[in-house]
Amino acid sequence: MKKTSLLQEEKRSTILFLVLFYVVFYVYDIFYYRLFPAFPWLDVGTASTIWYDFMYVRYVVLTALIPLSIYLIKKDKTTYVKYILFLGYFSTNLFSDILYFKDSSLVYTSGNLVEIIIILFSPIFVTKKFTYFVSFGLIIKYVLVGIFIQEPVVVFPIIITIVISIIAFVLLHRILNYIKALKYSYDEQLEGIVKGVIATLELKDPYTRGHSERVAAYAMSLAEATKKYKASELNYFYYACLLHDIGKVNIPDAILTKPGSLTDEEFDIIKKHPVVGAEAIRDVEGIADNIGVIYHHHERWDGKGYPDGLAGENIPFLARVTAVADAFDAMTSSRSYRPALQFDVAYQRILDGQGNQFDPQLIELFKQIYPEWVQISKTYRKGVDLRGGEKHENS
């Protein structure tokens, strides 16, 4: 859902950018080169035949980018459109300026309104990359023009470009800060809701008290150790880990807290909790992107897990991470049917599961960060929330 929403916003921004670009481009060229040719800053009589021919080529090239842009937007490759459009304008405008002013007695004059539009509206894409691309691209254009026509006056449009770029970056910075504030507010609300849901589950099954938070902490530690993700990319993974057992709210108390062994029928009911949990968060923006963590955290590397019996790398990677964390905490926590195992015993059982229950490479990482997990367990059991602040004892 989130990816679809972002894609739609990208499309809207790109279409707006295209409309603004082409309206300003054509109107500016018509007025500047056709309706006002007698103005003192433009003596078209000195322009070469090659320049006139190239101007038509320029129109053809930029006009041809319209159907290409529409095609890319329809194919959900919208990101490329703005870069292609700018490169088309950059290259044709560069050659146009060089052809017109090289070997001309005219003093170089530029300052195309299109360039101002491109720079000032680049923040609508909410990405520093494109704004940098546009700003430095136009500065490079003027530097190249200055080199070819040997005219120091290009310093002036370079200064103007830098000033306008600074304005664009100020706007972009304000937009990004506003988005960051909204995201932070949303994350705070989401975390509160998630922990409220977990508290409800812990009331149903007191033996799981603190289990979800410890599993999330272990899983985050292991995921970070893989060096595959940035901290920001694991934010919603953390919430998914907290909710990995949420499907247990659908399991009868008599089964969930049964002190003895489960019958086959009872275990079949237990095995449904990942499916129920995944369905519960399917429409929750952000967490839904990590639905595989909830749905597949009981799959095994050898394919003997549930609910789908996936094996090896067919199991989503972060679900494999969560599986190790979940198993370790389950073994080191007291349950209705057995006391907690000692850490060294649980550690050895995790190693024994390498290549059959767990991803072999993850177990190699687990060996390295095991001391960190011991510390995480001690810290949580003392009532400290590793994501900030104090918690109630035994929460």
Protein backbone atom coordinates (compact mmCIF):
# COMPACT_ATOMS: atom_id res chain seq x y z
CA MET A 1 0.00 0.00 0.00
CA LYS A 2 2.75 2.40 0.98
CA LYS A 3 4.74 1.68 -2.19
CA THR A 4 1.63 2.17 -4.33
CA SER A 5 0.84 5.47 -2.61
CA LEU A 6 4.39 6.75 -3.10
CA LEU A 7 4.33 5.70 -6.74
CA GLN A 8 1.10 7.61 -7.34
CA GLU A 9 2.55 10.73 -5.72
CA GLU A 10 5.67 10.38 -7.86
CA LYS A 11 3.49 10.15 -10.96
CA ARG A 12 1.49 13.24 -10.02
CA SER A 13 4.65 15.23 -9.34
CA THR A 14 6.22 14.11 -12.61
CA ILE A 15 3.13 14.99 -14.67
CA LEU A 16 2.99 18.44 -13.04
CA PHE A 17 6.68 18.91 -13.75
CA LEU A 18 6.24 17.87 -17.40
CA VAL A 19 3.36 20.30 -17.93
CA LEU A 20 5.25 23.21 -16.35
CA PHE A 21 8.41 22.41 -18.28
CA TYR A 22 6.85 22.18 -21.73
CA VAL A 23 4.49 25.14 -21.32
CA VAL A 24 7.33 27.40 -20.18
CA PHE A 25 9.77 25.96 -22.73
CA TYR A 26 7.58 26.50 -25.78
CA VAL A 27 6.14 29.86 -24.67
CA TYR A 28 9.60 31.20 -23.77
CA ASP A 29 11.13 30.07 -27.07
CA ILE A 30 8.28 31.53 -29.12
CA PHE A 31 8.52 34.92 -27.44
CA TYR A 32 12.29 35.03 -27.15
CA TYR A 33 13.28 33.78 -30.58
CA ARG A 34 10.21 34.52 -32.76
CA LEU A 35 8.16 37.47 -31.52
CA PHE A 36 10.92 39.69 -30.16
CA PRO A 37 13.89 39.12 -32.51
CA ALA A 38 14.56 42.85 -32.85
CA PHE A 39 15.27 43.45 -29.18
CA PRO A 40 18.82 44.68 -28.57
CA TRP A 41 19.90 41.65 -26.55
CA LEU A 42 19.26 39.32 -29.47
CA ASP A 43 20.57 40.04 -32.96
CA VAL A 44 19.34 37.03 -34.88
CA GLY A 45 20.99 38.32 -38.01
CA THR A 46 24.34 37.17 -36.66
CA ALA A 47 23.19 33.63 -35.95
CA SER A 48 24.62 30.92 -38.20
CA THR A 49 22.59 28.70 -40.49
CA ILE A 50 23.78 25.73 -38.44
CA TRP A 51 22.26 27.30 -35.32
CA TYR A 52 18.87 27.73 -37.05
CA ASP A 53 18.96 24.11 -38.19
CA PHE A 54 19.90 22.93 -34.71
CA MET A 55 17.03 24.84 -33.14
CA TYR A 56 14.60 22.66 -35.11
CA VAL A 57 16.52 19.57 -34.05
CA ARG A 58 16.21 20.79 -30.46
CA TYR A 59 12.43 21.07 -30.75
CA VAL A 60 12.21 17.60 -32.30
CA VAL A 61 14.36 16.01 -29.56
CA LEU A 62 12.49 17.58 -26.65
CA THR A 63 9.09 16.95 -28.23
CA ALA A 64 10.04 13.30 -28.80
CA LEU A 65 10.61 12.97 -25.06
CA ILE A 66 6.89 13.54 -24.41
CA PRO A 67 5.67 10.11 -25.66
CA LEU A 68 8.73 8.47 -24.06
CA SER A 69 7.84 10.10 -20.73
CA ILE A 70 4.22 8.95 -21.01
CA TYR A 71 5.40 5.40 -21.78
CA LEU A 72 7.72 5.32 -18.75
CA ILE A 73 4.99 6.66 -16.46
CA LYS A 74 2.59 3.95 -17.63
CA LYS A 75 5.28 1.31 -17.03
CA ASP A 76 5.77 2.59 -13.45
CA LYS A 77 9.30 3.77 -14.28
CA THR A 78 8.44 7.34 -13.37
CA THR A 79 11.71 8.01 -11.57
CA TYR A 80 13.64 8.06 -14.86
CA VAL A 81 11.42 10.64 -16.54
CA LYS A 82 12.71 13.75 -14.81
CA TYR A 83 16.34 12.75 -15.36
CA ILE A 84 15.81 12.00 -19.06
CA LEU A 85 13.94 15.25 -19.54
CA PHE A 86 16.67 17.28 -17.87
CA LEU A 87 19.45 15.54 -19.82
CA GLY A 88 17.56 16.22 -23.06
CA TYR A 89 17.23 19.88 -22.21
CA PHE A 90 20.80 20.13 -20.86
CA SER A 91 22.45 18.67 -23.97
CA THR A 92 20.38 20.55 -26.56
CA ASN A 93 20.61 23.87 -24.74
CA LEU A 94 24.37 23.46 -24.28
CA PHE A 95 24.94 22.96 -28.01
CA SER A 96 22.49 25.76 -28.86
CA ASP A 97 24.39 28.30 -26.74
CA ILE A 98 27.77 27.20 -28.07
CA LEU A 99 26.65 27.28 -31.73
CA TYR A 100 25.02 30.71 -31.37
CA PHE A 101 27.73 32.56 -29.46
CA LYS A 102 30.93 30.86 -30.67
CA ASP A 103 32.79 33.18 -33.02
CA SER A 104 30.02 35.77 -32.54
CA SER A 105 30.55 39.45 -31.78
CA LEU A 106 27.60 39.34 -29.37
CA VAL A 107 28.16 39.41 -25.63
CA TYR A 108 26.95 36.18 -24.06
CA THR A 109 23.44 36.58 -22.63
CA SER A 110 21.51 33.74 -21.07
CA GLY A 111 19.18 33.06 -18.23
CA ASN A 112 16.48 30.82 -19.56
CA LEU A 113 13.20 30.86 -17.65
CA VAL A 114 13.01 27.09 -18.13
CA GLU A 115 16.10 26.65 -15.99
CA ILE A 116 14.54 28.62 -13.13
CA ILE A 117 11.43 26.42 -13.34
CA ILE A 118 13.52 23.25 -13.29
CA ILE A 119 15.51 24.30 -10.22
CA LEU A 120 12.68 25.82 -8.20
CA PHE A 121 10.31 22.91 -8.85
CA SER A 122 12.88 20.14 -8.26
CA PRO A 123 11.91 19.97 -4.52
CA ILE A 124 8.44 18.63 -5.45
CA PHE A 125 10.10 15.22 -5.92
CA VAL A 126 11.28 15.36 -2.28
CA THR A 127 14.72 13.99 -3.14
CA LYS A 128 18.07 15.69 -2.68
CA LYS A 129 19.55 13.57 -5.45
CA PHE A 130 17.55 15.21 -8.26
CA THR A 131 17.99 18.73 -6.87
CA TYR A 132 21.77 18.19 -6.74
CA PHE A 133 21.65 16.70 -10.25
CA VAL A 134 19.83 19.73 -11.67
CA SER A 135 21.85 22.38 -9.82
CA PHE A 136 25.27 20.99 -10.62
CA GLY A 137 24.17 20.08 -14.16
CA LEU A 138 23.27 23.70 -14.98
CA ILE A 139 26.46 25.01 -13.40
CA ILE A 140 28.47 22.56 -15.52
CA LYS A 141 26.57 23.74 -18.60
CA TYR A 142 27.61 27.35 -18.07
CA VAL A 143 31.20 26.34 -17.34
CA LEU A 144 31.36 24.37 -20.61
CA VAL A 145 29.77 27.26 -22.56
CA GLY A 146 32.32 29.65 -21.04
CA ILE A 147 35.20 27.37 -22.05
CA PHE A 148 34.00 27.01 -25.65
CA ILE A 149 33.08 30.64 -26.32
CA GLN A 150 35.89 32.07 -24.16
CA GLU A 151 33.50 34.47 -22.40
CA PRO A 152 34.00 35.27 -18.67
CA VAL A 153 30.51 36.78 -18.39
CA VAL A 154 29.16 33.22 -17.84
CA VAL A 155 30.14 33.75 -14.20
CA PHE A 156 26.98 35.82 -13.79
CA PRO A 157 24.46 33.07 -14.76
CA ILE A 158 26.50 30.65 -12.63
CA ILE A 159 26.00 32.92 -9.61
CA ILE A 160 22.27 33.24 -10.38
CA THR A 161 22.01 29.44 -10.65
CA ILE A 162 23.72 29.00 -7.29
CA VAL A 163 21.40 31.53 -5.63
CA ILE A 164 18.26 29.88 -7.05
CA SER A 165 19.62 26.46 -6.09
CA ILE A 166 20.08 27.63 -2.50
CA ILE A 167 16.44 28.74 -2.46
CA ALA A 168 15.41 25.33 -3.83
CA PHE A 169 17.44 23.53 -1.15
CA VAL A 170 15.89 25.65 1.59
CA LEU A 171 12.43 24.68 0.32
CA LEU A 172 13.45 21.04 0.05
CA HIS A 173 14.91 21.08 3.56
CA ARG A 174 11.67 22.45 4.99
CA ILE A 175 9.61 19.84 3.12
CA LEU A 176 11.86 16.99 4.32
CA ASN A 177 11.72 18.22 7.93
CA TYR A 178 7.94 18.42 7.78
CA ILE A 179 7.73 14.88 6.40
CA LYS A 180 10.16 13.67 9.06
CA ALA A 181 8.04 15.24 11.79
CA LEU A 182 4.89 13.59 10.43
CA LYS A 183 6.65 10.23 10.19
CA TYR A 184 7.96 10.53 13.74
CA SER A 185 4.45 11.33 14.99
CA TYR A 186 3.00 8.38 13.07
CA ASP A 187 5.71 6.02 14.37
CA GLU A 188 5.07 7.11 17.96
CA GLN A 189 1.35 6.47 17.60
CA LEU A 190 1.98 3.15 15.87
CA GLU A 191 4.40 1.99 18.55
CA GLY A 192 1.87 2.88 21.24
CA ILE A 193 -0.84 0.90 19.47
CA VAL A 194 1.48 -2.07 18.89
CA LYS A 195 2.53 -2.22 22.53
CA GLY A 196 -1.11 -1.91 23.59
CA VAL A 197 -1.96 -4.92 21.44
CA ILE A 198 0.98 -6.85 22.90
CA ALA A 199 -0.18 -6.03 26.42
CA THR A 200 -3.57 -7.52 25.54
CA LEU A 201 -1.88 -10.71 24.31
CA GLU A 202 0.20 -10.92 27.49
CA LEU A 203 -2.97 -10.71 29.59
CA LYS A 204 -4.25 -13.73 27.65
CA ASP A 205 -0.97 -15.63 28.02
CA PRO A 206 1.14 -14.37 31.00
CA TYR A 207 3.94 -16.79 30.10
CA THR A 208 4.73 -14.74 26.99
CA ARG A 209 5.20 -11.53 29.03
CA GLY A 210 8.19 -9.66 27.60
CA HIS A 211 8.67 -12.30 24.89
CA SER A 212 7.66 -10.07 21.97
CA GLU A 213 9.96 -7.22 22.97
CA ARG A 214 12.94 -9.50 23.57
CA VAL A 215 12.41 -11.24 20.24
CA ALA A 216 12.25 -7.86 18.51
CA ALA A 217 15.49 -6.77 20.22
CA TYR A 218 17.30 -10.02 19.34
CA ALA A 219 16.05 -9.89 15.74
CA MET A 220 17.09 -6.26 15.31
CA SER A 221 20.56 -7.13 16.63
CA LEU A 222 20.93 -10.03 14.18
CA ALA A 223 19.49 -8.08 11.23
CA GLU A 224 21.90 -5.20 11.86
CA ALA A 225 24.81 -7.66 12.08
CA THR A 226 24.10 -8.81 8.52
CA LYS A 227 24.97 -5.26 7.34
CA LYS A 228 22.26 -5.57 4.68
CA TYR A 229 20.05 -2.86 6.08
CA LYS A 230 20.18 0.70 7.32
CA ALA A 231 18.65 1.39 10.72
CA SER A 232 15.77 3.32 9.07
CA GLU A 233 14.96 0.31 6.87
CA LEU A 234 14.46 -1.87 9.95
CA ASN A 235 11.99 0.42 11.70
CA TYR A 236 8.83 -1.38 10.58
CA PHE A 237 10.60 -4.73 10.85
CA TYR A 238 10.87 -4.00 14.59
CA TYR A 239 7.10 -3.49 14.83
CA ALA A 240 6.47 -6.67 12.84
CA CYS A 241 8.69 -8.58 15.29
CA LEU A 242 6.73 -7.15 18.21
CA LEU A 243 3.57 -8.50 16.58
CA HIS A 244 4.96 -11.83 15.36
CA ASP A 245 2.70 -13.78 17.77
CA ILE A 246 -0.37 -11.56 17.52
CA GLY A 247 -2.29 -14.41 15.87
CA LYS A 248 -2.29 -16.22 19.22
CA VAL A 249 -5.20 -14.04 20.34
CA ASN A 250 -7.31 -16.43 18.23
CA ILE A 251 -6.12 -19.54 20.13
CA PRO A 252 -8.34 -20.81 22.98
CA ASP A 253 -6.84 -20.21 26.43
CA ALA A 254 -7.10 -23.89 27.27
CA ILE A 255 -4.66 -24.71 24.46
CA LEU A 256 -2.41 -21.67 24.84
CA THR A 257 -1.75 -22.25 28.56
CA LYS A 258 -2.02 -26.06 28.59
CA PRO A 259 0.63 -27.42 31.01
CA GLY A 260 0.98 -30.78 29.27
CA SER A 261 1.74 -31.94 25.75
CA LEU A 262 -0.55 -30.83 22.93
CA THR A 263 -2.57 -33.26 20.87
CA ASP A 264 -2.17 -33.24 17.08
CA GLU A 265 -5.47 -31.38 16.74
CA GLU A 266 -4.40 -28.77 19.30
CA PHE A 267 -1.06 -28.29 17.59
CA ASP A 268 -2.84 -27.79 14.28
CA ILE A 269 -4.73 -24.93 15.89
CA ILE A 270 -1.46 -23.47 17.22
CA LYS A 271 0.01 -23.62 13.71
CA LYS A 272 -2.71 -21.29 12.42
CA HIS A 273 -1.49 -18.29 14.45
CA PRO A 274 0.99 -16.99 11.82
CA VAL A 275 -1.78 -16.92 9.21
CA VAL A 276 -4.21 -15.16 11.56
CA GLY A 277 -1.52 -12.69 12.62
CA ALA A 278 -0.55 -11.86 9.03
CA GLU A 279 -4.17 -11.23 8.14
CA ALA A 280 -4.57 -8.94 11.16
CA ILE A 281 -1.81 -6.56 10.02
CA ARG A 282 -2.35 -6.85 6.26
CA ASP A 283 -3.77 -3.33 5.96
CA VAL A 284 -1.48 -1.60 8.48
CA GLU A 285 0.74 0.78 6.51
CA GLY A 286 4.45 0.11 7.05
CA ILE A 287 4.08 -3.10 9.04
CA ALA A 288 2.30 -4.72 6.10
CA ASP A 289 5.55 -4.42 4.13
CA ASN A 290 6.99 -6.95 6.61
CA ILE A 291 4.01 -9.30 6.60
CA GLY A 292 6.32 -12.20 5.74
CA VAL A 293 7.98 -11.87 9.15
CA ILE A 294 4.70 -12.67 10.88
CA TYR A 295 3.50 -15.24 8.35
CA HIS A 296 6.75 -17.21 7.95
CA HIS A 297 8.61 -16.96 11.28
CA HIS A 298 7.89 -20.64 12.02
CA GLU A 299 9.23 -21.94 8.70
CA ARG A 300 12.34 -24.13 8.89
CA TRP A 301 15.43 -24.15 6.69
CA ASP A 302 14.80 -27.85 5.90
CA GLY A 303 11.19 -27.19 4.86
CA LYS A 304 9.58 -28.92 7.85
CA GLY A 305 8.10 -25.76 9.34
CA TYR A 306 4.70 -24.11 8.96
CA PRO A 307 2.39 -22.69 7.64
CA ASP A 308 3.67 -23.24 4.06
CA GLY A 309 6.60 -25.61 4.53
CA LEU A 310 8.98 -23.27 2.72
CA ALA A 311 12.65 -24.25 2.66
CA GLY A 312 16.02 -22.53 2.38
CA GLU A 313 16.16 -19.17 0.68
CA ASN A 314 12.49 -19.41 -0.31
CA ILE A 315 11.79 -18.25 3.24
CA PRO A 316 11.85 -14.42 3.44
CA PHE A 317 15.21 -13.37 4.88
CA LEU A 318 13.88 -11.33 7.80
CA ALA A 319 11.52 -14.17 8.69
CA ARG A 320 14.61 -16.40 8.99
CA VAL A 321 16.16 -13.79 11.28
CA THR A 322 13.03 -13.69 13.43
CA ALA A 323 12.91 -17.50 13.61
CA VAL A 324 16.31 -17.62 15.34
CA ALA A 325 15.34 -14.84 17.76
CA ASP A 326 11.96 -16.42 18.53
CA ALA A 327 13.44 -19.86 19.19
CA PHE A 328 16.18 -18.52 21.45
CA ASP A 329 13.79 -16.49 23.59
CA ALA A 330 11.24 -19.33 23.74
CA MET A 331 13.91 -21.64 25.14
CA THR A 332 15.21 -19.12 27.69
CA SER A 333 11.73 -18.18 28.94
CA SER A 334 9.50 -20.10 31.34
CA ARG A 335 6.42 -21.64 29.78
CA SER A 336 3.37 -23.37 31.19
CA TYR A 337 4.78 -26.76 30.23
CA ARG A 338 8.47 -26.29 31.24
CA PRO A 339 10.91 -23.99 33.05
CA ALA A 340 13.36 -21.76 31.18
CA LEU A 341 16.53 -23.34 29.84
CA GLN A 342 19.95 -22.04 30.81
CA PHE A 343 21.50 -19.71 28.23
CA ASP A 344 24.37 -22.05 27.40
CA VAL A 345 21.91 -24.89 26.77
CA ALA A 346 19.74 -22.70 24.51
CA TYR A 347 22.90 -21.48 22.73
CA GLN A 348 23.95 -25.05 21.94
CA ARG A 349 20.47 -25.99 20.72
CA ILE A 350 20.51 -23.03 18.32
CA LEU A 351 23.89 -24.26 17.00
CA ASP A 352 22.48 -27.78 16.66
CA GLY A 353 19.72 -26.33 14.49
CA GLN A 354 22.18 -24.89 11.97
CA GLY A 355 21.36 -26.10 8.48
CA ASN A 356 18.16 -27.91 9.45
CA GLN A 357 15.98 -25.54 11.48
CA PHE A 358 17.92 -22.32 10.86
CA ASP A 359 19.75 -20.52 8.05
CA PRO A 360 23.42 -21.66 8.37
CA GLN A 361 24.84 -18.21 7.63
CA LEU A 362 22.64 -16.57 10.26
CA ILE A 363 23.87 -19.04 12.87
CA GLU A 364 27.45 -18.05 12.08
CA LEU A 365 26.46 -14.45 12.82
CA PHE A 366 24.56 -15.60 15.91
CA LYS A 367 27.80 -17.06 17.30
CA GLN A 368 29.47 -13.66 16.98
CA ILE A 369 26.69 -11.61 18.58
CA TYR A 370 25.60 -14.12 21.23
CA PRO A 371 27.19 -12.06 24.07
CA GLU A 372 25.07 -9.12 22.90
CA TRP A 373 21.94 -11.26 23.15
CA VAL A 374 22.80 -12.25 26.71
CA GLN A 375 23.10 -8.57 27.59
CA ILE A 376 19.81 -7.79 25.81
CA SER A 377 18.03 -10.43 27.87
CA LYS A 378 19.47 -9.13 31.14
CA THR A 379 18.59 -5.55 30.24
CA TYR A 380 15.00 -6.33 29.28
CA ARG A 381 14.39 -8.48 32.31
CA LYS A 382 15.53 -5.56 34.47
CA GLY A 383 12.83 -3.42 32.87
CA VAL A 384 14.77 -1.22 30.44
CA ASP A 385 13.36 -0.62 26.96
CA LEU A 386 16.32 -0.60 24.54
CA ARG A 387 14.44 1.67 22.15
CA GLY A 388 14.31 4.39 24.80
CA GLY A 389 12.98 4.92 28.32
CA GLU A 390 12.12 2.75 31.29
CA LYS A 391 9.55 0.01 31.30
CA HIS A 392 7.51 -1.49 34.08
CA GLU A 393 9.12 -4.45 35.76
CA ASN A 394 8.48 -7.74 33.91
CA SER A 395 6.70 -6.00 31.02
